[in-house]
Amino acid sequence: MKSLTDPALLALLKQDNDDAFNEIYARYWDVVYAIACKKLNNREEAKDVVHDLFMVIWMKRHTLKITTTFIGYIYIILKNKLTDLNRRQSLRIKHDVEFVKVSDEVDHSLFEQFASKDTAQYLQLEIQNMPAGMRKVFLMSREEDLSINEIAGRLSISSQTVKNQISSALKRLKSIYPFH
């Protein structure tokens, strides 16, 4: 398989040849992963994107119509995947900010400061840097819009622990943005 050209591998791939897919994967994974790492600056996200890219190739193997080089085709898929990821992350950040604005426990003036995209991205980064338990409780309250009692029930912890985690998360965010 290693001596086959890309068009030959693609012809075999269209015939459901697993070995052809494995050779394509081995041939291009490193370069695609390196590009994704450079663009995302996050190895885990890069692995997910590259995995999704090769899944697209496998799922579309019967209908692949490549008008450029195969690496060019892969690069276009990668570019689209990165654009989609960026769009989803921006939307997630926007939703996080909106959930925080709606909360009764939040000082609304604080979140007026999150209007800019850069600040919203920084907020998302700070949420991701919270301890795992605190982040989970905070996101359940904001993303899933769960009540304190619902979160406590799902996580088998006391309501007071949930309140403390949310309060600590909010204090943490306020300490980063000490606007009064």
Protein backbone atom coordinates (compact mmCIF):
# COMPACT_ATOMS: atom_id res chain seq x y z
CA MET A 1 0.00 0.00 0.00
CA LYS A 2 2.84 2.41 0.78
CA SER A 3 3.97 2.48 -2.83
CA LEU A 4 0.51 3.35 -4.18
CA THR A 5 -0.28 6.87 -5.33
CA ASP A 6 -3.04 8.89 -3.71
CA PRO A 7 -5.41 8.36 -6.68
CA ALA A 8 -4.81 4.60 -6.48
CA LEU A 9 -5.50 4.63 -2.73
CA LEU A 10 -8.67 6.66 -3.29
CA ALA A 11 -9.88 4.17 -5.89
CA LEU A 12 -9.38 1.36 -3.37
CA LEU A 13 -11.01 3.43 -0.64
CA LYS A 14 -14.13 3.82 -2.79
CA GLN A 15 -14.26 0.00 -2.83
CA ASP A 16 -14.33 -0.04 1.01
CA ASN A 17 -10.70 -1.13 1.31
CA ASP A 18 -9.72 -0.68 4.98
CA ASP A 19 -6.02 -0.99 4.17
CA ALA A 20 -6.26 1.93 1.74
CA PHE A 21 -7.91 4.05 4.43
CA ASN A 22 -5.26 3.04 6.96
CA GLU A 23 -2.50 4.02 4.51
CA ILE A 24 -4.14 7.41 3.85
CA TYR A 25 -4.46 7.90 7.61
CA ALA A 26 -0.81 6.95 8.22
CA ARG A 27 0.38 9.09 5.32
CA TYR A 28 -1.41 12.29 6.30
CA TRP A 29 -2.24 12.16 10.02
CA ASP A 30 1.01 13.75 11.23
CA VAL A 31 0.90 16.71 8.87
CA VAL A 32 -2.81 17.39 9.47
CA TYR A 33 -2.35 17.07 13.23
CA ALA A 34 0.62 19.47 13.16
CA ILE A 35 -1.44 22.08 11.28
CA ALA A 36 -4.42 21.63 13.62
CA CYS A 37 -2.16 21.96 16.69
CA LYS A 38 -0.65 25.14 15.31
CA LYS A 39 -4.05 26.65 14.53
CA LEU A 40 -5.75 25.60 17.78
CA ASN A 41 -2.86 25.64 20.22
CA ASN A 42 -4.60 22.72 21.95
CA ARG A 43 -3.48 19.14 21.32
CA GLU A 44 -6.70 17.45 22.49
CA GLU A 45 -8.90 19.66 20.31
CA ALA A 46 -6.48 19.10 17.44
CA LYS A 47 -6.78 15.31 17.84
CA ASP A 48 -10.59 15.60 17.83
CA VAL A 49 -10.57 17.74 14.70
CA VAL A 50 -8.20 15.38 12.87
CA HIS A 51 -10.26 12.37 13.94
CA ASP A 52 -13.40 14.08 12.61
CA LEU A 53 -11.61 14.92 9.37
CA PHE A 54 -10.70 11.29 8.72
CA MET A 55 -14.23 10.24 9.66
CA VAL A 56 -15.52 12.58 6.94
CA ILE A 57 -13.18 10.96 4.44
CA TRP A 58 -14.38 7.49 5.45
CA MET A 59 -18.05 8.45 5.44
CA LYS A 60 -17.78 10.14 2.02
CA ARG A 61 -15.49 7.54 0.50
CA HIS A 62 -18.03 6.45 -2.12
CA THR A 63 -18.74 9.98 -3.33
CA LEU A 64 -15.32 11.63 -3.09
CA LYS A 65 -14.70 13.95 -6.03
CA ILE A 66 -11.29 15.51 -5.67
CA THR A 67 -10.45 18.31 -8.08
CA THR A 68 -7.13 19.27 -6.47
CA THR A 69 -4.42 17.18 -4.89
CA PHE A 70 -5.52 14.90 -2.08
CA ILE A 71 -3.57 16.94 0.48
CA GLY A 72 -5.32 20.04 -0.87
CA TYR A 73 -8.66 18.31 -0.37
CA ILE A 74 -7.68 17.34 3.18
CA TYR A 75 -6.59 20.90 3.88
CA ILE A 76 -10.00 22.21 2.75
CA ILE A 77 -11.76 19.77 5.09
CA LEU A 78 -9.42 20.81 7.92
CA LYS A 79 -10.06 24.49 7.25
CA ASN A 80 -13.82 23.87 7.34
CA LYS A 81 -13.54 21.85 10.56
CA LEU A 82 -11.53 24.62 12.22
CA THR A 83 -14.03 27.23 11.07
CA ASP A 84 -16.90 25.14 12.44
CA LEU A 85 -15.08 24.66 15.75
CA ASN A 86 -14.41 28.38 16.04
CA ARG A 87 -18.06 29.13 15.27
CA ARG A 88 -19.25 26.63 17.91
CA GLN A 89 -16.84 28.00 20.51
CA SER A 90 -17.95 31.57 19.82
CA LEU A 91 -21.57 30.51 20.13
CA ARG A 92 -20.82 28.63 23.36
CA ILE A 93 -19.10 31.71 24.78
CA LYS A 94 -22.05 33.86 23.76
CA HIS A 95 -24.44 31.44 25.48
CA ASP A 96 -22.27 31.34 28.61
CA VAL A 97 -22.34 35.10 28.83
CA GLU A 98 -26.10 35.14 28.28
CA PHE A 99 -26.71 32.53 30.98
CA VAL A 100 -24.61 34.48 33.41
CA LYS A 101 -26.51 37.70 32.60
CA VAL A 102 -29.84 36.02 33.31
CA SER A 103 -28.85 34.63 36.71
CA ASP A 104 -30.43 36.25 39.76
CA GLU A 105 -27.28 35.57 41.78
CA VAL A 106 -25.06 37.59 39.46
CA ASP A 107 -24.24 41.27 39.63
CA HIS A 108 -25.60 42.29 36.22
CA SER A 109 -23.26 45.25 35.89
CA LEU A 110 -20.32 42.86 35.90
CA PHE A 111 -21.52 41.07 32.80
CA GLU A 112 -22.08 44.26 30.85
CA GLN A 113 -18.28 44.21 30.65
CA PHE A 114 -18.40 40.93 28.71
CA ALA A 115 -19.81 42.53 25.57
CA SER A 116 -16.63 42.32 23.55
CA LYS A 117 -15.61 39.08 21.91
CA ASP A 118 -12.12 39.13 23.46
CA THR A 119 -13.54 39.49 26.94
CA ALA A 120 -16.07 36.72 26.30
CA GLN A 121 -13.26 34.42 25.16
CA TYR A 122 -11.29 35.27 28.28
CA LEU A 123 -14.36 34.45 30.38
CA GLN A 124 -14.61 31.04 28.69
CA LEU A 125 -10.94 30.39 29.36
CA GLU A 126 -11.38 31.27 33.04
CA ILE A 127 -14.40 28.96 33.28
CA GLN A 128 -12.30 26.16 31.76
CA ASN A 129 -9.56 26.85 34.33
CA MET A 130 -11.92 26.39 37.28
CA PRO A 131 -11.52 23.22 39.35
CA ALA A 132 -13.48 20.41 37.71
CA GLY A 133 -16.24 20.20 40.34
CA MET A 134 -16.77 23.95 40.43
CA ARG A 135 -16.82 24.18 36.62
CA LYS A 136 -19.30 21.31 36.35
CA VAL A 137 -21.70 22.85 38.87
CA PHE A 138 -21.33 26.32 37.34
CA LEU A 139 -21.95 25.09 33.78
CA MET A 140 -24.89 22.93 34.84
CA SER A 141 -26.46 26.02 36.38
CA ARG A 142 -25.73 28.18 33.32
CA GLU A 143 -25.75 25.91 30.26
CA GLU A 144 -28.40 23.45 31.38
CA ASP A 145 -30.31 26.07 33.40
CA LEU A 146 -30.69 23.64 36.30
CA SER A 147 -31.78 24.76 39.74
CA ILE A 148 -29.56 24.30 42.76
CA ASN A 149 -31.67 21.35 43.93
CA GLU A 150 -31.59 19.72 40.48
CA ILE A 151 -27.80 19.99 40.34
CA ALA A 152 -27.49 18.63 43.88
CA GLY A 153 -29.70 15.67 42.95
CA ARG A 154 -27.81 14.86 39.76
CA LEU A 155 -24.40 15.05 41.42
CA SER A 156 -25.47 13.50 44.74
CA ILE A 157 -24.15 16.45 46.72
CA SER A 158 -25.82 18.84 49.13
CA SER A 159 -27.63 21.96 47.96
CA GLN A 160 -25.30 23.99 50.15
CA THR A 161 -22.28 22.55 48.31
CA VAL A 162 -23.88 23.56 44.99
CA LYS A 163 -24.54 27.09 46.32
CA ASN A 164 -20.96 27.32 47.58
CA GLN A 165 -19.53 26.16 44.24
CA ILE A 166 -21.62 28.65 42.25
CA SER A 167 -20.76 31.43 44.67
CA SER A 168 -17.06 30.58 44.48
CA ALA A 169 -17.21 30.48 40.68
CA LEU A 170 -18.86 33.88 40.55
CA LYS A 171 -16.39 35.35 43.03
CA ARG A 172 -13.58 33.94 40.92
CA LEU A 173 -14.98 35.59 37.80
CA LYS A 174 -15.57 38.87 39.65
CA SER A 175 -11.99 38.86 40.95
CA ILE A 176 -10.78 38.66 37.35
CA TYR A 177 -13.04 41.56 36.36
CA PRO A 178 -13.06 43.82 39.42
CA PHE A 179 -15.46 46.40 37.96
CA HIS A 180 -17.52 48.19 40.59
